[in-house]
PDB file of all heavy atoms in Angstrom:
ATOM      1  N   ARG A   1     -18.437 -39.898  -4.609  1.00  0.00           N
ATOM      2  CA  ARG A   1     -18.813 -39.116  -5.794  1.00  0.00           C
ATOM      3  C   ARG A   1     -18.273 -37.688  -5.710  1.00  0.00           C
ATOM      4  O   ARG A   1     -17.827 -37.120  -6.716  1.00  0.00           O
ATOM      5  CB  ARG A   1     -20.334 -39.094  -5.937  1.00  0.00           C
ATOM      6  CG  ARG A   1     -20.935 -40.441  -6.346  1.00  0.00           C
ATOM      7  CD  ARG A   1     -22.445 -40.383  -6.397  1.00  0.00           C
ATOM      8  NE  ARG A   1     -23.017 -41.669  -6.777  1.00  0.00           N
ATOM      9  CZ  ARG A   1     -24.316 -41.935  -6.766  1.00  0.00           C
ATOM     10  NH1 ARG A   1     -25.187 -40.997  -6.372  1.00  0.00           N
ATOM     11  NH2 ARG A   1     -24.760 -43.126  -7.129  1.00  0.00           N
ATOM     12  N   PHE A   2     -18.301 -37.144  -4.492  1.00  0.00           N
ATOM     13  CA  PHE A   2     -17.753 -35.800  -4.319  1.00  0.00           C
ATOM     14  C   PHE A   2     -16.255 -35.800  -4.580  1.00  0.00           C
ATOM     15  O   PHE A   2     -15.714 -34.882  -5.205  1.00  0.00           O
ATOM     16  CB  PHE A   2     -18.048 -35.308  -2.903  1.00  0.00           C
ATOM     17  CG  PHE A   2     -17.563 -33.916  -2.624  1.00  0.00           C
ATOM     18  CD1 PHE A   2     -18.119 -32.818  -3.269  1.00  0.00           C
ATOM     19  CD2 PHE A   2     -16.520 -33.697  -1.712  1.00  0.00           C
ATOM     20  CE1 PHE A   2     -17.662 -31.530  -3.017  1.00  0.00           C
ATOM     21  CE2 PHE A   2     -16.059 -32.414  -1.462  1.00  0.00           C
ATOM     22  CZ  PHE A   2     -16.626 -31.328  -2.118  1.00  0.00           C
ATOM     23  N   GLY A   3     -15.564 -36.872  -4.101  1.00  0.00           N
ATOM     24  CA  GLY A   3     -14.133 -36.995  -4.362  1.00  0.00           C
ATOM     25  C   GLY A   3     -13.833 -37.114  -5.841  1.00  0.00           C
ATOM     26  O   GLY A   3     -12.863 -36.530  -6.349  1.00  0.00           O
ATOM     27  N   GLU A   4     -14.662 -37.870  -6.565  1.00  0.00           N
ATOM     28  CA  GLU A   4     -14.481 -37.992  -8.014  1.00  0.00           C
ATOM     29  C   GLU A   4     -14.699 -36.651  -8.706  1.00  0.00           C
ATOM     30  O   GLU A   4     -13.998 -36.316  -9.672  1.00  0.00           O
ATOM     31  CB  GLU A   4     -15.450 -39.046  -8.565  1.00  0.00           C
ATOM     32  CG  GLU A   4     -15.142 -40.468  -8.108  1.00  0.00           C
ATOM     33  CD  GLU A   4     -16.237 -41.442  -8.481  1.00  0.00           C
ATOM     34  OE1 GLU A   4     -17.244 -40.987  -9.080  1.00  0.00           O
ATOM     35  OE2 GLU A   4     -16.096 -42.640  -8.171  1.00  0.00           O
ATOM     36  N   TRP A   5     -15.655 -35.884  -8.189  1.00  0.00           N
ATOM     37  CA  TRP A   5     -15.922 -34.571  -8.779  1.00  0.00           C
ATOM     38  C   TRP A   5     -14.726 -33.639  -8.567  1.00  0.00           C
ATOM     39  O   TRP A   5     -14.336 -32.895  -9.469  1.00  0.00           O
ATOM     40  CB  TRP A   5     -17.178 -33.976  -8.148  1.00  0.00           C
ATOM     41  CG  TRP A   5     -17.509 -32.594  -8.642  1.00  0.00           C
ATOM     42  CD1 TRP A   5     -18.113 -32.261  -9.811  1.00  0.00           C
ATOM     43  CD2 TRP A   5     -17.227 -31.358  -7.957  1.00  0.00           C
ATOM     44  NE1 TRP A   5     -18.240 -30.903  -9.915  1.00  0.00           N
ATOM     45  CE2 TRP A   5     -17.698 -30.321  -8.791  1.00  0.00           C
ATOM     46  CE3 TRP A   5     -16.625 -31.045  -6.740  1.00  0.00           C
ATOM     47  CZ2 TRP A   5     -17.580 -28.986  -8.433  1.00  0.00           C
ATOM     48  CZ3 TRP A   5     -16.517 -29.722  -6.384  1.00  0.00           C
ATOM     49  CH2 TRP A   5     -16.984 -28.709  -7.222  1.00  0.00           C
ATOM     50  N   ILE A   6     -14.137 -33.692  -7.354  1.00  0.00           N
ATOM     51  CA  ILE A   6     -12.956 -32.872  -7.083  1.00  0.00           C
ATOM     52  C   ILE A   6     -11.813 -33.257  -8.009  1.00  0.00           C
ATOM     53  O   ILE A   6     -11.088 -32.406  -8.539  1.00  0.00           O
ATOM     54  CB  ILE A   6     -12.530 -33.020  -5.599  1.00  0.00           C
ATOM     55  CG1 ILE A   6     -13.574 -32.402  -4.669  1.00  0.00           C
ATOM     56  CG2 ILE A   6     -11.165 -32.386  -5.351  1.00  0.00           C
ATOM     57  CD1 ILE A   6     -13.280 -32.611  -3.198  1.00  0.00           C
ATOM     58  N   ALA A   7     -11.650 -34.568  -8.221  1.00  0.00           N
ATOM     59  CA  ALA A   7     -10.560 -35.049  -9.081  1.00  0.00           C
ATOM     60  C   ALA A   7     -10.735 -34.594 -10.520  1.00  0.00           C
ATOM     61  O   ALA A   7      -9.755 -34.349 -11.231  1.00  0.00           O
ATOM     62  CB  ALA A   7     -10.477 -36.568  -9.015  1.00  0.00           C
ATOM     63  N   THR A   8     -11.970 -34.476 -10.978  1.00  0.00           N
ATOM     64  CA  THR A   8     -12.195 -34.028 -12.363  1.00  0.00           C
ATOM     65  C   THR A   8     -11.859 -32.548 -12.532  1.00  0.00           C
ATOM     66  O   THR A   8     -11.493 -32.117 -13.626  1.00  0.00           O
ATOM     67  CB  THR A   8     -13.659 -34.256 -12.780  1.00  0.00           C
ATOM     68  OG1 THR A   8     -14.529 -33.556 -11.881  1.00  0.00           O
ATOM     69  CG2 THR A   8     -13.993 -35.736 -12.761  1.00  0.00           C
ATOM     70  N   LYS A   9     -11.983 -31.775 -11.445  1.00  0.00           N
ATOM     71  CA  LYS A   9     -11.665 -30.347 -11.521  1.00  0.00           C
ATOM     72  C   LYS A   9     -10.162 -30.124 -11.642  1.00  0.00           C
ATOM     73  O   LYS A   9      -9.703 -29.261 -12.389  1.00  0.00           O
ATOM     74  CB  LYS A   9     -12.203 -29.622 -10.279  1.00  0.00           C
ATOM     75  CG  LYS A   9     -13.720 -29.603 -10.180  1.00  0.00           C
ATOM     76  CD  LYS A   9     -14.347 -28.846 -11.344  1.00  0.00           C
ATOM     77  CE  LYS A   9     -15.860 -28.808 -11.231  1.00  0.00           C
ATOM     78  NZ  LYS A   9     -16.487 -28.101 -12.365  1.00  0.00           N
ATOM     79  N   ASN A  10      -9.401 -30.877 -10.867  1.00  0.00           N
ATOM     80  CA  ASN A  10      -7.938 -30.787 -10.928  1.00  0.00           C
ATOM     81  C   ASN A  10      -7.398 -32.165 -10.555  1.00  0.00           C
ATOM     82  O   ASN A  10      -7.384 -32.524  -9.383  1.00  0.00           O
ATOM     83  CB  ASN A  10      -7.420 -29.708  -9.967  1.00  0.00           C
ATOM     84  CG  ASN A  10      -5.934 -29.456 -10.145  1.00  0.00           C
ATOM     85  OD1 ASN A  10      -5.154 -30.378 -10.330  1.00  0.00           O
ATOM     86  ND2 ASN A  10      -5.545 -28.181 -10.077  1.00  0.00           N
ATOM     87  N   GLU A  11      -6.975 -32.919 -11.547  1.00  0.00           N
ATOM     88  CA  GLU A  11      -6.665 -34.330 -11.331  1.00  0.00           C
ATOM     89  C   GLU A  11      -5.608 -34.538 -10.250  1.00  0.00           C
ATOM     90  O   GLU A  11      -5.791 -35.334  -9.333  1.00  0.00           O
ATOM     91  CB  GLU A  11      -6.192 -34.962 -12.646  1.00  0.00           C
ATOM     92  CG  GLU A  11      -5.947 -36.456 -12.518  1.00  0.00           C
ATOM     93  CD  GLU A  11      -5.625 -37.089 -13.845  1.00  0.00           C
ATOM     94  OE1 GLU A  11      -5.709 -36.396 -14.880  1.00  0.00           O
ATOM     95  OE2 GLU A  11      -5.282 -38.282 -13.847  1.00  0.00           O
ATOM     96  N   ILE A  12      -4.491 -33.816 -10.329  1.00  0.00           N
ATOM     97  CA  ILE A  12      -3.405 -34.036  -9.375  1.00  0.00           C
ATOM     98  C   ILE A  12      -3.791 -33.554  -7.983  1.00  0.00           C
ATOM     99  O   ILE A  12      -3.732 -34.306  -7.006  1.00  0.00           O
ATOM    100  CB  ILE A  12      -2.122 -33.329  -9.860  1.00  0.00           C
ATOM    101  CG1 ILE A  12      -1.661 -33.940 -11.186  1.00  0.00           C
ATOM    102  CG2 ILE A  12      -1.020 -33.460  -8.803  1.00  0.00           C
ATOM    103  CD1 ILE A  12      -0.451 -33.252 -11.788  1.00  0.00           C
ATOM    104  N   ALA A  13      -4.207 -32.291  -7.877  1.00  0.00           N
ATOM    105  CA  ALA A  13      -4.582 -31.737  -6.568  1.00  0.00           C
ATOM    106  C   ALA A  13      -5.791 -32.467  -5.993  1.00  0.00           C
ATOM    107  O   ALA A  13      -5.852 -32.724  -4.778  1.00  0.00           O
ATOM    108  CB  ALA A  13      -4.879 -30.246  -6.703  1.00  0.00           C
ATOM    109  N   GLY A  14      -6.742 -32.804  -6.863  1.00  0.00           N
ATOM    110  CA  GLY A  14      -7.939 -33.498  -6.399  1.00  0.00           C
ATOM    111  C   GLY A  14      -7.620 -34.865  -5.831  1.00  0.00           C
ATOM    112  O   GLY A  14      -8.122 -35.243  -4.768  1.00  0.00           O
ATOM    113  N   ASN A  15      -6.755 -35.610  -6.521  1.00  0.00           N
ATOM    114  CA  ASN A  15      -6.387 -36.943  -6.046  1.00  0.00           C
ATOM    115  C   ASN A  15      -5.635 -36.871  -4.725  1.00  0.00           C
ATOM    116  O   ASN A  15      -5.860 -37.681  -3.816  1.00  0.00           O
ATOM    117  CB  ASN A  15      -5.534 -37.671  -7.087  1.00  0.00           C
ATOM    118  CG  ASN A  15      -6.363 -38.168  -8.260  1.00  0.00           C
ATOM    119  OD1 ASN A  15      -7.551 -38.447  -8.107  1.00  0.00           O
ATOM    120  ND2 ASN A  15      -5.753 -38.258  -9.429  1.00  0.00           N
ATOM    121  N   TYR A  16      -4.722 -35.897  -4.605  1.00  0.00           N
ATOM    122  CA  TYR A  16      -3.995 -35.727  -3.344  1.00  0.00           C
ATOM    123  C   TYR A  16      -4.951 -35.358  -2.209  1.00  0.00           C
ATOM    124  O   TYR A  16      -4.786 -35.824  -1.069  1.00  0.00           O
ATOM    125  CB  TYR A  16      -2.912 -34.669  -3.487  1.00  0.00           C
ATOM    126  CG  TYR A  16      -1.630 -35.174  -4.101  1.00  0.00           C
ATOM    127  CD1 TYR A  16      -1.095 -34.585  -5.241  1.00  0.00           C
ATOM    128  CD2 TYR A  16      -0.954 -36.263  -3.546  1.00  0.00           C
ATOM    129  CE1 TYR A  16       0.082 -35.055  -5.820  1.00  0.00           C
ATOM    130  CE2 TYR A  16       0.218 -36.747  -4.108  1.00  0.00           C
ATOM    131  CZ  TYR A  16       0.735 -36.138  -5.244  1.00  0.00           C
ATOM    132  OH  TYR A  16       1.878 -36.617  -5.814  1.00  0.00           O
ATOM    133  N   THR A  17      -5.942 -34.531  -2.506  1.00  0.00           N
ATOM    134  CA  THR A  17      -6.923 -34.143  -1.490  1.00  0.00           C
ATOM    135  C   THR A  17      -7.721 -35.349  -1.003  1.00  0.00           C
ATOM    136  O   THR A  17      -7.919 -35.541   0.203  1.00  0.00           O
ATOM    137  CB  THR A  17      -7.882 -33.077  -2.043  1.00  0.00           C
ATOM    138  OG1 THR A  17      -7.133 -31.934  -2.469  1.00  0.00           O
ATOM    139  CG2 THR A  17      -8.901 -32.659  -0.991  1.00  0.00           C
ATOM    140  N   VAL A  18      -8.176 -36.162  -1.960  1.00  0.00           N
ATOM    141  CA  VAL A  18      -8.950 -37.359  -1.612  1.00  0.00           C
ATOM    142  C   VAL A  18      -8.092 -38.324  -0.797  1.00  0.00           C
ATOM    143  O   VAL A  18      -8.535 -38.864   0.223  1.00  0.00           O
ATOM    144  CB  VAL A  18      -9.487 -38.048  -2.883  1.00  0.00           C
ATOM    145  CG1 VAL A  18     -10.101 -39.404  -2.545  1.00  0.00           C
ATOM    146  CG2 VAL A  18     -10.519 -37.158  -3.573  1.00  0.00           C
ATOM    147  N   GLN A  19      -6.845 -38.531  -1.218  1.00  0.00           N
ATOM    148  CA  GLN A  19      -5.954 -39.438  -0.502  1.00  0.00           C
ATOM    149  C   GLN A  19      -5.669 -38.936   0.909  1.00  0.00           C
ATOM    150  O   GLN A  19      -5.617 -39.733   1.865  1.00  0.00           O
ATOM    151  CB  GLN A  19      -4.652 -39.613  -1.277  1.00  0.00           C
ATOM    152  CG  GLN A  19      -4.807 -40.389  -2.579  1.00  0.00           C
ATOM    153  CD  GLN A  19      -3.569 -40.337  -3.441  1.00  0.00           C
ATOM    154  OE1 GLN A  19      -2.513 -39.861  -3.025  1.00  0.00           O
ATOM    155  NE2 GLN A  19      -3.683 -40.820  -4.674  1.00  0.00           N
ATOM    156  N   PHE A  20      -5.488 -37.625   1.043  1.00  0.00           N
ATOM    157  CA  PHE A  20      -5.251 -37.048   2.369  1.00  0.00           C
ATOM    158  C   PHE A  20      -6.466 -37.255   3.269  1.00  0.00           C
ATOM    159  O   PHE A  20      -6.323 -37.628   4.451  1.00  0.00           O
ATOM    160  CB  PHE A  20      -4.937 -35.554   2.252  1.00  0.00           C
ATOM    161  CG  PHE A  20      -4.833 -34.852   3.578  1.00  0.00           C
ATOM    162  CD1 PHE A  20      -3.696 -34.971   4.365  1.00  0.00           C
ATOM    163  CD2 PHE A  20      -5.894 -34.083   4.050  1.00  0.00           C
ATOM    164  CE1 PHE A  20      -3.609 -34.346   5.594  1.00  0.00           C
ATOM    165  CE2 PHE A  20      -5.816 -33.450   5.277  1.00  0.00           C
ATOM    166  CZ  PHE A  20      -4.666 -33.586   6.051  1.00  0.00           C
ATOM    167  N   CYS A  21      -7.659 -37.027   2.733  1.00  0.00           N
ATOM    168  CA  CYS A  21      -8.890 -37.217   3.520  1.00  0.00           C
ATOM    169  C   CYS A  21      -9.050 -38.677   3.934  1.00  0.00           C
ATOM    170  O   CYS A  21      -9.409 -38.964   5.084  1.00  0.00           O
ATOM    171  CB  CYS A  21     -10.101 -36.751   2.717  1.00  0.00           C
ATOM    172  SG  CYS A  21     -10.183 -34.962   2.479  1.00  0.00           S
ATOM    173  N   HIS A  22      -8.764 -39.601   3.011  1.00  0.00           N
ATOM    174  CA  HIS A  22      -8.838 -41.027   3.341  1.00  0.00           C
ATOM    175  C   HIS A  22      -7.859 -41.380   4.455  1.00  0.00           C
ATOM    176  O   HIS A  22      -8.199 -42.117   5.388  1.00  0.00           O
ATOM    177  CB  HIS A  22      -8.539 -41.870   2.100  1.00  0.00           C
ATOM    178  CG  HIS A  22      -9.696 -41.982   1.165  1.00  0.00           C
ATOM    179  ND1 HIS A  22      -9.707 -42.832   0.081  1.00  0.00           N
ATOM    180  CD2 HIS A  22     -10.904 -41.361   1.134  1.00  0.00           C
ATOM    181  CE1 HIS A  22     -10.854 -42.727  -0.564  1.00  0.00           C
ATOM    182  NE2 HIS A  22     -11.591 -41.836   0.062  1.00  0.00           N
ATOM    183  N   ALA A  23      -6.634 -40.863   4.340  1.00  0.00           N
ATOM    184  CA  ALA A  23      -5.607 -41.158   5.347  1.00  0.00           C
ATOM    185  C   ALA A  23      -6.012 -40.589   6.703  1.00  0.00           C
ATOM    186  O   ALA A  23      -5.865 -41.256   7.743  1.00  0.00           O
ATOM    187  CB  ALA A  23      -4.265 -40.595   4.905  1.00  0.00           C
ATOM    188  N   LEU A  24      -6.521 -39.362   6.715  1.00  0.00           N
ATOM    189  CA  LEU A  24      -6.920 -38.720   7.963  1.00  0.00           C
ATOM    190  C   LEU A  24      -8.064 -39.485   8.624  1.00  0.00           C
ATOM    191  O   LEU A  24      -8.020 -39.771   9.833  1.00  0.00           O
ATOM    192  CB  LEU A  24      -7.345 -37.271   7.696  1.00  0.00           C
ATOM    193  CG  LEU A  24      -7.790 -36.459   8.920  1.00  0.00           C
ATOM    194  CD1 LEU A  24      -6.651 -36.333   9.926  1.00  0.00           C
ATOM    195  CD2 LEU A  24      -8.293 -35.078   8.491  1.00  0.00           C
ATOM    196  N   VAL A  25      -9.087 -39.821   7.834  1.00  0.00           N
ATOM    197  CA  VAL A  25     -10.225 -40.578   8.374  1.00  0.00           C
ATOM    198  C   VAL A  25      -9.755 -41.928   8.897  1.00  0.00           C
ATOM    199  O   VAL A  25     -10.172 -42.378   9.972  1.00  0.00           O
ATOM    200  CB  VAL A  25     -11.307 -40.752   7.282  1.00  0.00           C
ATOM    201  CG1 VAL A  25     -12.366 -41.751   7.740  1.00  0.00           C
ATOM    202  CG2 VAL A  25     -11.955 -39.415   6.944  1.00  0.00           C
ATOM    203  N   SER A  26      -8.865 -42.591   8.155  1.00  0.00           N
ATOM    204  CA  SER A  26      -8.376 -43.911   8.557  1.00  0.00           C
ATOM    205  C   SER A  26      -7.623 -43.839   9.878  1.00  0.00           C
ATOM    206  O   SER A  26      -7.819 -44.698  10.761  1.00  0.00           O
ATOM    207  CB  SER A  26      -7.464 -44.490   7.472  1.00  0.00           C
ATOM    208  OG  SER A  26      -8.162 -44.671   6.259  1.00  0.00           O
ATOM    209  N   VAL A  27      -6.762 -42.850  10.037  1.00  0.00           N
ATOM    210  CA  VAL A  27      -5.982 -42.717  11.264  1.00  0.00           C
ATOM    211  C   VAL A  27      -6.895 -42.455  12.459  1.00  0.00           C
ATOM    212  O   VAL A  27      -6.740 -43.069  13.530  1.00  0.00           O
ATOM    213  CB  VAL A  27      -4.932 -41.594  11.121  1.00  0.00           C
ATOM    214  CG1 VAL A  27      -4.305 -41.269  12.475  1.00  0.00           C
ATOM    215  CG2 VAL A  27      -3.855 -41.991  10.125  1.00  0.00           C
ATOM    216  N   VAL A  28      -7.853 -41.565  12.289  1.00  0.00           N
ATOM    217  CA  VAL A  28      -8.767 -41.232  13.389  1.00  0.00           C
ATOM    218  C   VAL A  28      -9.569 -42.467  13.798  1.00  0.00           C
ATOM    219  O   VAL A  28      -9.704 -42.776  14.998  1.00  0.00           O
ATOM    220  CB  VAL A  28      -9.704 -40.078  12.978  1.00  0.00           C
ATOM    221  CG1 VAL A  28     -10.803 -39.883  14.030  1.00  0.00           C
ATOM    222  CG2 VAL A  28      -8.913 -38.783  12.807  1.00  0.00           C
ATOM    223  N   ILE A  29     -10.126 -43.170  12.801  1.00  0.00           N
ATOM    224  CA  ILE A  29     -10.929 -44.365  13.104  1.00  0.00           C
ATOM    225  C   ILE A  29     -10.076 -45.436  13.770  1.00  0.00           C
ATOM    226  O   ILE A  29     -10.488 -46.061  14.756  1.00  0.00           O
ATOM    227  CB  ILE A  29     -11.581 -44.919  11.821  1.00  0.00           C
ATOM    228  CG1 ILE A  29     -12.651 -43.952  11.308  1.00  0.00           C
ATOM    229  CG2 ILE A  29     -12.194 -46.301  12.074  1.00  0.00           C
ATOM    230  CD1 ILE A  29     -13.285 -44.375  10.003  1.00  0.00           C
ATOM    231  N   LEU A  30      -8.863 -45.646  13.258  1.00  0.00           N
ATOM    232  CA  LEU A  30      -7.998 -46.683  13.817  1.00  0.00           C
ATOM    233  C   LEU A  30      -7.636 -46.373  15.267  1.00  0.00           C
ATOM    234  O   LEU A  30      -7.658 -47.263  16.132  1.00  0.00           O
ATOM    235  CB  LEU A  30      -6.727 -46.823  12.975  1.00  0.00           C
ATOM    236  CG  LEU A  30      -5.768 -47.950  13.377  1.00  0.00           C
ATOM    237  CD1 LEU A  30      -6.474 -49.298  13.294  1.00  0.00           C
ATOM    238  CD2 LEU A  30      -4.524 -47.944  12.506  1.00  0.00           C
ATOM    239  N   ILE A  31      -7.322 -45.116  15.574  1.00  0.00           N
ATOM    240  CA  ILE A  31      -6.994 -44.725  16.951  1.00  0.00           C
ATOM    241  C   ILE A  31      -8.184 -44.974  17.872  1.00  0.00           C
ATOM    242  O   ILE A  31      -8.038 -45.528  18.970  1.00  0.00           O
ATOM    243  CB  ILE A  31      -6.550 -43.252  17.005  1.00  0.00           C
ATOM    244  CG1 ILE A  31      -5.190 -43.083  16.320  1.00  0.00           C
ATOM    245  CG2 ILE A  31      -6.478 -42.773  18.449  1.00  0.00           C
ATOM    246  CD1 ILE A  31      -4.763 -41.637  16.169  1.00  0.00           C
ATOM    247  N   CYS A  32      -9.378 -44.583  17.419  1.00  0.00           N
ATOM    248  CA  CYS A  32     -10.584 -44.794  18.232  1.00  0.00           C
ATOM    249  C   CYS A  32     -10.841 -46.282  18.453  1.00  0.00           C
ATOM    250  O   CYS A  32     -11.191 -46.707  19.564  1.00  0.00           O
ATOM    251  CB  CYS A  32     -11.789 -44.150  17.548  1.00  0.00           C
ATOM    252  SG  CYS A  32     -11.745 -42.349  17.492  1.00  0.00           S
ATOM    253  N   CYS A  33     -10.654 -47.077  17.404  1.00  0.00           N
ATOM    254  CA  CYS A  33     -10.904 -48.519  17.516  1.00  0.00           C
ATOM    255  C   CYS A  33      -9.923 -49.186  18.479  1.00  0.00           C
ATOM    256  O   CYS A  33     -10.314 -50.009  19.305  1.00  0.00           O
ATOM    257  CB  CYS A  33     -10.814 -49.180  16.139  1.00  0.00           C
ATOM    258  SG  CYS A  33     -12.188 -48.793  15.033  1.00  0.00           S
ATOM    259  N   VAL A  34      -8.662 -48.819  18.379  1.00  0.00           N
ATOM    260  CA  VAL A  34      -7.664 -49.403  19.270  1.00  0.00           C
ATOM    261  C   VAL A  34      -7.977 -49.042  20.718  1.00  0.00           C
ATOM    262  O   VAL A  34      -7.893 -49.885  21.619  1.00  0.00           O
ATOM    263  CB  VAL A  34      -6.246 -48.936  18.875  1.00  0.00           C
ATOM    264  CG1 VAL A  34      -5.230 -49.360  19.928  1.00  0.00           C
ATOM    265  CG2 VAL A  34      -5.857 -49.507  17.513  1.00  0.00           C
ATOM    266  N   ALA A  35      -8.354 -47.794  20.940  1.00  0.00           N
ATOM    267  CA  ALA A  35      -8.693 -47.363  22.302  1.00  0.00           C
ATOM    268  C   ALA A  35      -9.871 -48.153  22.859  1.00  0.00           C
ATOM    269  O   ALA A  35      -9.887 -48.528  24.043  1.00  0.00           O
ATOM    270  CB  ALA A  35      -9.002 -45.871  22.301  1.00  0.00           C
ATOM    271  N   LEU A  36     -10.861 -48.442  22.009  1.00  0.00           N
ATOM    272  CA  LEU A  36     -12.036 -49.182  22.459  1.00  0.00           C
ATOM    273  C   LEU A  36     -11.758 -50.672  22.610  1.00  0.00           C
ATOM    274  O   LEU A  36     -12.390 -51.350  23.426  1.00  0.00           O
ATOM    275  CB  LEU A  36     -13.194 -48.969  21.470  1.00  0.00           C
ATOM    276  CG  LEU A  36     -13.817 -47.569  21.456  1.00  0.00           C
ATOM    277  CD1 LEU A  36     -14.776 -47.415  20.287  1.00  0.00           C
ATOM    278  CD2 LEU A  36     -14.558 -47.296  22.770  1.00  0.00           C
ATOM    279  N   LEU A  37     -10.821 -51.199  21.806  1.00  0.00           N
ATOM    280  CA  LEU A  37     -10.549 -52.634  21.837  1.00  0.00           C
ATOM    281  C   LEU A  37      -9.671 -53.040  23.020  1.00  0.00           C
ATOM    282  O   LEU A  37      -9.674 -54.216  23.402  1.00  0.00           O
ATOM    283  CB  LEU A  37      -9.871 -53.073  20.532  1.00  0.00           C
ATOM    284  CG  LEU A  37     -10.782 -53.168  19.305  1.00  0.00           C
ATOM    285  CD1 LEU A  37      -9.976 -53.448  18.049  1.00  0.00           C
ATOM    286  CD2 LEU A  37     -11.841 -54.244  19.497  1.00  0.00           C
ATOM    287  N   VAL A  38      -8.908 -52.119  23.563  1.00  0.00           N
ATOM    288  CA  VAL A  38      -8.067 -52.440  24.716  1.00  0.00           C
ATOM    289  C   VAL A  38      -8.970 -52.780  25.905  1.00  0.00           C
ATOM    290  O   VAL A  38      -9.705 -51.948  26.416  1.00  0.00           O
ATOM    291  CB  VAL A  38      -7.134 -51.265  25.078  1.00  0.00           C
ATOM    292  CG1 VAL A  38      -6.379 -51.578  26.368  1.00  0.00           C
ATOM    293  CG2 VAL A  38      -6.159 -50.993  23.940  1.00  0.00           C
ATOM    294  N   GLY A  39      -8.939 -54.030  26.308  1.00  0.00           N
ATOM    295  CA  GLY A  39      -9.764 -54.476  27.429  1.00  0.00           C
ATOM    296  C   GLY A  39     -11.212 -54.720  27.086  1.00  0.00           C
ATOM    297  O   GLY A  39     -12.036 -54.918  27.983  1.00  0.00           O
TER     298      GLY A  39
END
């Protein structure tokens, strides 16, 4: 909902911000998961 609110304030910048946050969270989680799954 917060991401949707940001997008309504500035559609282009807001969408890029949300996408960047999603990508960052995804990369961090994936790295942690791979580290834990090894062995």
